[in-house]
Amino acid sequence: MSAFTQQVKGNWNELKGKFKQQYADLTDDDLLYEDGKEDELLGKLQKKLGKTRQEVEDEVSSWSK
């Protein structure tokens, strides 16, 4: 299980709020989390934000510290 998956499962509501603060153009649909579909969520975030997988994962990691 990746670090991103662990962080999403444990703190999604907090992380979702941080994404909304940082990126006002993200919608609730963009931030819809379903258990077991972390890679799909990560892909949506990558596409919407124009960032690489590693950049999104690093950002989530920095918020979780």
PDB file of N, CA and C in Angstrom:
ATOM      1  N   MET A   1       0.846  -1.178   0.000  1.00  0.00           N
ATOM      2  CA  MET A   1       0.000   0.000   0.000  1.00  0.00           C
ATOM      3  C   MET A   1       0.892   1.242   0.000  1.00  0.00           C
ATOM      4  N   SER A   2       0.611   2.156  -0.915  1.00  0.00           N
ATOM      5  CA  SER A   2       1.448   3.350  -1.033  1.00  0.00           C
ATOM      6  C   SER A   2       1.185   4.324   0.113  1.00  0.00           C
ATOM      7  N   ALA A   3       2.114   5.244   0.301  1.00  0.00           N
ATOM      8  CA  ALA A   3       1.949   6.265   1.336  1.00  0.00           C
ATOM      9  C   ALA A   3       0.720   7.119   1.045  1.00  0.00           C
ATOM     10  N   PHE A   4       0.483   7.416  -0.228  1.00  0.00           N
ATOM     11  CA  PHE A   4      -0.697   8.203  -0.612  1.00  0.00           C
ATOM     12  C   PHE A   4      -1.967   7.480  -0.176  1.00  0.00           C
ATOM     13  N   THR A   5      -2.041   6.191  -0.451  1.00  0.00           N
ATOM     14  CA  THR A   5      -3.216   5.398  -0.089  1.00  0.00           C
ATOM     15  C   THR A   5      -3.430   5.411   1.420  1.00  0.00           C
ATOM     16  N   GLN A   6      -2.382   5.251   2.183  1.00  0.00           N
ATOM     17  CA  GLN A   6      -2.488   5.250   3.641  1.00  0.00           C
ATOM     18  C   GLN A   6      -2.978   6.605   4.148  1.00  0.00           C
ATOM     19  N   GLN A   7      -2.444   7.689   3.598  1.00  0.00           N
ATOM     20  CA  GLN A   7      -2.842   9.017   4.036  1.00  0.00           C
ATOM     21  C   GLN A   7      -4.282   9.318   3.660  1.00  0.00           C
ATOM     22  N   VAL A   8      -4.687   8.907   2.474  1.00  0.00           N
ATOM     23  CA  VAL A   8      -6.058   9.146   2.020  1.00  0.00           C
ATOM     24  C   VAL A   8      -7.034   8.374   2.902  1.00  0.00           C
ATOM     25  N   LYS A   9      -6.742   7.131   3.164  1.00  0.00           N
ATOM     26  CA  LYS A   9      -7.656   6.313   3.975  1.00  0.00           C
ATOM     27  C   LYS A   9      -7.792   6.865   5.387  1.00  0.00           C
ATOM     28  N   GLY A  10      -6.706   7.344   5.941  1.00  0.00           N
ATOM     29  CA  GLY A  10      -6.727   7.790   7.330  1.00  0.00           C
ATOM     30  C   GLY A  10      -7.248   9.195   7.547  1.00  0.00           C
ATOM     31  N   ASN A  11      -7.057  10.084   6.585  1.00  0.00           N
ATOM     32  CA  ASN A  11      -7.341  11.499   6.814  1.00  0.00           C
ATOM     33  C   ASN A  11      -8.049  12.171   5.650  1.00  0.00           C
ATOM     34  N   TRP A  12      -8.915  11.485   4.933  1.00  0.00           N
ATOM     35  CA  TRP A  12      -9.447  12.060   3.709  1.00  0.00           C
ATOM     36  C   TRP A  12     -10.196  13.366   3.928  1.00  0.00           C
ATOM     37  N   ASN A  13     -11.014  13.473   4.963  1.00  0.00           N
ATOM     38  CA  ASN A  13     -11.778  14.705   5.164  1.00  0.00           C
ATOM     39  C   ASN A  13     -10.851  15.903   5.374  1.00  0.00           C
ATOM     40  N   GLU A  14      -9.800  15.721   6.130  1.00  0.00           N
ATOM     41  CA  GLU A  14      -8.826  16.789   6.360  1.00  0.00           C
ATOM     42  C   GLU A  14      -8.095  17.132   5.063  1.00  0.00           C
ATOM     43  N   LEU A  15      -7.653  16.116   4.335  1.00  0.00           N
ATOM     44  CA  LEU A  15      -6.939  16.350   3.079  1.00  0.00           C
ATOM     45  C   LEU A  15      -7.843  17.014   2.040  1.00  0.00           C
ATOM     46  N   LYS A  16      -9.086  16.603   2.001  1.00  0.00           N
ATOM     47  CA  LYS A  16     -10.046  17.183   1.058  1.00  0.00           C
ATOM     48  C   LYS A  16     -10.189  18.682   1.317  1.00  0.00           C
ATOM     49  N   GLY A  17     -10.264  19.062   2.579  1.00  0.00           N
ATOM     50  CA  GLY A  17     -10.342  20.477   2.932  1.00  0.00           C
ATOM     51  C   GLY A  17      -9.112  21.245   2.489  1.00  0.00           C
ATOM     52  N   LYS A  18      -7.950  20.643   2.630  1.00  0.00           N
ATOM     53  CA  LYS A  18      -6.706  21.302   2.214  1.00  0.00           C
ATOM     54  C   LYS A  18      -6.650  21.451   0.698  1.00  0.00           C
ATOM     55  N   PHE A  19      -7.107  20.439  -0.028  1.00  0.00           N
ATOM     56  CA  PHE A  19      -7.158  20.558  -1.489  1.00  0.00           C
ATOM     57  C   PHE A  19      -8.084  21.694  -1.897  1.00  0.00           C
ATOM     58  N   LYS A  20      -9.236  21.797  -1.238  1.00  0.00           N
ATOM     59  CA  LYS A  20     -10.191  22.863  -1.575  1.00  0.00           C
ATOM     60  C   LYS A  20      -9.610  24.243  -1.268  1.00  0.00           C
ATOM     61  N   GLN A  21      -8.876  24.371  -0.169  1.00  0.00           N
ATOM     62  CA  GLN A  21      -8.247  25.646   0.170  1.00  0.00           C
ATOM     63  C   GLN A  21      -7.176  26.014  -0.848  1.00  0.00           C
ATOM     64  N   GLN A  22      -6.370  25.040  -1.218  1.00  0.00           N
ATOM     65  CA  GLN A  22      -5.237  25.279  -2.114  1.00  0.00           C
ATOM     66  C   GLN A  22      -5.669  25.454  -3.567  1.00  0.00           C
ATOM     67  N   TYR A  23      -6.691  24.717  -3.976  1.00  0.00           N
ATOM     68  CA  TYR A  23      -7.116  24.696  -5.377  1.00  0.00           C
ATOM     69  C   TYR A  23      -8.621  24.913  -5.450  1.00  0.00           C
ATOM     70  N   ALA A  24      -9.031  26.158  -5.527  1.00  0.00           N
ATOM     71  CA  ALA A  24     -10.453  26.522  -5.482  1.00  0.00           C
ATOM     72  C   ALA A  24     -11.248  25.944  -6.648  1.00  0.00           C
ATOM     73  N   ASP A  25     -10.590  25.608  -7.744  1.00  0.00           N
ATOM     74  CA  ASP A  25     -11.315  25.096  -8.914  1.00  0.00           C
ATOM     75  C   ASP A  25     -11.651  23.605  -8.828  1.00  0.00           C
ATOM     76  N   LEU A  26     -11.209  22.919  -7.769  1.00  0.00           N
ATOM     77  CA  LEU A  26     -11.568  21.513  -7.596  1.00  0.00           C
ATOM     78  C   LEU A  26     -13.004  21.409  -7.105  1.00  0.00           C
ATOM     79  N   THR A  27     -13.753  20.496  -7.697  1.00  0.00           N
ATOM     80  CA  THR A  27     -15.156  20.296  -7.313  1.00  0.00           C
ATOM     81  C   THR A  27     -15.267  19.115  -6.353  1.00  0.00           C
ATOM     82  N   ASP A  28     -16.444  18.951  -5.777  1.00  0.00           N
ATOM     83  CA  ASP A  28     -16.676  17.795  -4.907  1.00  0.00           C
ATOM     84  C   ASP A  28     -16.529  16.494  -5.692  1.00  0.00           C
ATOM     85  N   ASP A  29     -16.925  16.509  -6.964  1.00  0.00           N
ATOM     86  CA  ASP A  29     -16.761  15.311  -7.804  1.00  0.00           C
ATOM     87  C   ASP A  29     -15.285  14.978  -8.010  1.00  0.00           C
ATOM     88  N   ASP A  30     -14.451  16.013  -8.159  1.00  0.00           N
ATOM     89  CA  ASP A  30     -13.007  15.785  -8.308  1.00  0.00           C
ATOM     90  C   ASP A  30     -12.430  15.138  -7.055  1.00  0.00           C
ATOM     91  N   LEU A  31     -13.015  15.460  -5.920  1.00  0.00           N
ATOM     92  CA  LEU A  31     -12.485  15.005  -4.639  1.00  0.00           C
ATOM     93  C   LEU A  31     -13.284  13.851  -4.035  1.00  0.00           C
ATOM     94  N   LEU A  32     -14.070  13.181  -4.856  1.00  0.00           N
ATOM     95  CA  LEU A  32     -14.856  12.050  -4.380  1.00  0.00           C
ATOM     96  C   LEU A  32     -13.937  10.854  -4.144  1.00  0.00           C
ATOM     97  N   TYR A  33     -13.924  10.392  -2.908  1.00  0.00           N
ATOM     98  CA  TYR A  33     -13.081   9.256  -2.544  1.00  0.00           C
ATOM     99  C   TYR A  33     -13.924   8.008  -2.342  1.00  0.00           C
ATOM    100  N   GLU A  34     -13.512   6.935  -2.984  1.00  0.00           N
ATOM    101  CA  GLU A  34     -14.140   5.633  -2.783  1.00  0.00           C
ATOM    102  C   GLU A  34     -13.055   4.658  -2.358  1.00  0.00           C
ATOM    103  N   ASP A  35     -13.347   3.914  -1.326  1.00  0.00           N
ATOM    104  CA  ASP A  35     -12.392   2.941  -0.813  1.00  0.00           C
ATOM    105  C   ASP A  35     -11.955   1.991  -1.923  1.00  0.00           C
ATOM    106  N   GLY A  36     -10.656   1.829  -2.064  1.00  0.00           N
ATOM    107  CA  GLY A  36     -10.105   0.941  -3.082  1.00  0.00           C
ATOM    108  C   GLY A  36      -9.848   1.615  -4.423  1.00  0.00           C
ATOM    109  N   LYS A  37     -10.233   2.881  -4.557  1.00  0.00           N
ATOM    110  CA  LYS A  37     -10.042   3.586  -5.828  1.00  0.00           C
ATOM    111  C   LYS A  37      -9.107   4.791  -5.661  1.00  0.00           C
ATOM    112  N   GLU A  38      -8.084   4.614  -4.844  1.00  0.00           N
ATOM    113  CA  GLU A  38      -7.140   5.692  -4.598  1.00  0.00           C
ATOM    114  C   GLU A  38      -6.384   6.096  -5.864  1.00  0.00           C
ATOM    115  N   ASP A  39      -6.037   5.109  -6.703  1.00  0.00           N
ATOM    116  CA  ASP A  39      -5.320   5.411  -7.943  1.00  0.00           C
ATOM    117  C   ASP A  39      -6.183   6.237  -8.890  1.00  0.00           C
ATOM    118  N   GLU A  40      -7.477   5.946  -8.921  1.00  0.00           N
ATOM    119  CA  GLU A  40      -8.393   6.719  -9.756  1.00  0.00           C
ATOM    120  C   GLU A  40      -8.478   8.166  -9.257  1.00  0.00           C
ATOM    121  N   LEU A  41      -8.559   8.339  -7.941  1.00  0.00           N
ATOM    122  CA  LEU A  41      -8.571   9.674  -7.339  1.00  0.00           C
ATOM    123  C   LEU A  41      -7.283  10.416  -7.672  1.00  0.00           C
ATOM    124  N   LEU A  42      -6.170   9.745  -7.533  1.00  0.00           N
ATOM    125  CA  LEU A  42      -4.876  10.345  -7.831  1.00  0.00           C
ATOM    126  C   LEU A  42      -4.801  10.767  -9.295  1.00  0.00           C
ATOM    127  N   GLY A  43      -5.302   9.942 -10.185  1.00  0.00           N
ATOM    128  CA  GLY A  43      -5.320  10.279 -11.604  1.00  0.00           C
ATOM    129  C   GLY A  43      -6.168  11.508 -11.891  1.00  0.00           C
ATOM    130  N   LYS A  44      -7.338  11.608 -11.251  1.00  0.00           N
ATOM    131  CA  LYS A  44      -8.196  12.783 -11.438  1.00  0.00           C
ATOM    132  C   LYS A  44      -7.491  14.041 -10.954  1.00  0.00           C
ATOM    133  N   LEU A  45      -6.826  13.943  -9.806  1.00  0.00           N
ATOM    134  CA  LEU A  45      -6.117  15.105  -9.260  1.00  0.00           C
ATOM    135  C   LEU A  45      -4.969  15.514 -10.170  1.00  0.00           C
ATOM    136  N   GLN A  46      -4.238  14.534 -10.675  1.00  0.00           N
ATOM    137  CA  GLN A  46      -3.135  14.826 -11.599  1.00  0.00           C
ATOM    138  C   GLN A  46      -3.642  15.591 -12.810  1.00  0.00           C
ATOM    139  N   LYS A  47      -4.695  15.101 -13.410  1.00  0.00           N
ATOM    140  CA  LYS A  47      -5.240  15.710 -14.625  1.00  0.00           C
ATOM    141  C   LYS A  47      -5.748  17.123 -14.347  1.00  0.00           C
ATOM    142  N   LYS A  48      -6.502  17.280 -13.274  1.00  0.00           N
ATOM    143  CA  LYS A  48      -7.113  18.569 -12.959  1.00  0.00           C
ATOM    144  C   LYS A  48      -6.059  19.611 -12.561  1.00  0.00           C
ATOM    145  N   LEU A  49      -5.022  19.185 -11.842  1.00  0.00           N
ATOM    146  CA  LEU A  49      -4.009  20.108 -11.344  1.00  0.00           C
ATOM    147  C   LEU A  49      -2.838  20.283 -12.305  1.00  0.00           C
ATOM    148  N   GLY A  50      -2.713  19.393 -13.288  1.00  0.00           N
ATOM    149  CA  GLY A  50      -1.592  19.470 -14.221  1.00  0.00           C
ATOM    150  C   GLY A  50      -0.267  19.127 -13.562  1.00  0.00           C
ATOM    151  N   LYS A  51      -0.310  18.201 -12.620  1.00  0.00           N
ATOM    152  CA  LYS A  51       0.899  17.804 -11.896  1.00  0.00           C
ATOM    153  C   LYS A  51       1.169  16.320 -12.129  1.00  0.00           C
ATOM    154  N   THR A  52       2.389  15.923 -11.836  1.00  0.00           N
ATOM    155  CA  THR A  52       2.739  14.512 -11.938  1.00  0.00           C
ATOM    156  C   THR A  52       2.233  13.768 -10.703  1.00  0.00           C
ATOM    157  N   ARG A  53       2.218  12.466 -10.824  1.00  0.00           N
ATOM    158  CA  ARG A  53       1.810  11.632  -9.682  1.00  0.00           C
ATOM    159  C   ARG A  53       2.675  11.946  -8.465  1.00  0.00           C
ATOM    160  N   GLN A  54       3.970  12.037  -8.681  1.00  0.00           N
ATOM    161  CA  GLN A  54       4.892  12.287  -7.571  1.00  0.00           C
ATOM    162  C   GLN A  54       4.641  13.649  -6.934  1.00  0.00           C
ATOM    163  N   GLU A  55       4.342  14.666  -7.733  1.00  0.00           N
ATOM    164  CA  GLU A  55       4.072  16.001  -7.195  1.00  0.00           C
ATOM    165  C   GLU A  55       2.823  15.996  -6.309  1.00  0.00           C
ATOM    166  N   VAL A  56       1.781  15.303  -6.739  1.00  0.00           N
ATOM    167  CA  VAL A  56       0.558  15.220  -5.939  1.00  0.00           C
ATOM    168  C   VAL A  56       0.838  14.449  -4.648  1.00  0.00           C
ATOM    169  N   GLU A  57       1.532  13.330  -4.746  1.00  0.00           N
ATOM    170  CA  GLU A  57       1.850  12.537  -3.560  1.00  0.00           C
ATOM    171  C   GLU A  57       2.716  13.325  -2.581  1.00  0.00           C
ATOM    172  N   ASP A  58       3.692  14.076  -3.101  1.00  0.00           N
ATOM    173  CA  ASP A  58       4.561  14.880  -2.242  1.00  0.00           C
ATOM    174  C   ASP A  58       3.774  15.968  -1.518  1.00  0.00           C
ATOM    175  N   GLU A  59       2.839  16.581  -2.223  1.00  0.00           N
ATOM    176  CA  GLU A  59       2.021  17.622  -1.615  1.00  0.00           C
ATOM    177  C   GLU A  59       1.169  17.046  -0.483  1.00  0.00           C
ATOM    178  N   VAL A  60       0.553  15.910  -0.723  1.00  0.00           N
ATOM    179  CA  VAL A  60      -0.259  15.258   0.305  1.00  0.00           C
ATOM    180  C   VAL A  60       0.623  14.891   1.492  1.00  0.00           C
ATOM    181  N   SER A  61       1.812  14.390   1.232  1.00  0.00           N
ATOM    182  CA  SER A  61       2.740  14.032   2.317  1.00  0.00           C
ATOM    183  C   SER A  61       3.108  15.252   3.139  1.00  0.00           C
ATOM    184  N   SER A  62       3.335  16.380   2.492  1.00  0.00           N
ATOM    185  CA  SER A  62       3.722  17.585   3.231  1.00  0.00           C
ATOM    186  C   SER A  62       2.592  18.085   4.122  1.00  0.00           C
ATOM    187  N   TRP A  63       1.353  17.883   3.721  1.00  0.00           N
ATOM    188  CA  TRP A  63       0.215  18.300   4.530  1.00  0.00           C
ATOM    189  C   TRP A  63       0.010  17.389   5.727  1.00  0.00           C
ATOM    190  N   SER A  64       0.445  16.172   5.624  1.00  0.00           N
ATOM    191  CA  SER A  64       0.193  15.176   6.673  1.00  0.00           C
ATOM    192  C   SER A  64       1.232  15.186   7.776  1.00  0.00           C
ATOM    193  N   LYS A  65       2.207  16.055   7.674  1.00  0.00           N
ATOM    194  CA  LYS A  65       3.276  16.086   8.683  1.00  0.00           C
ATOM    195  C   LYS A  65       2.910  16.974   9.837  1.00  0.00           C
TER     196      LYS A  65
END
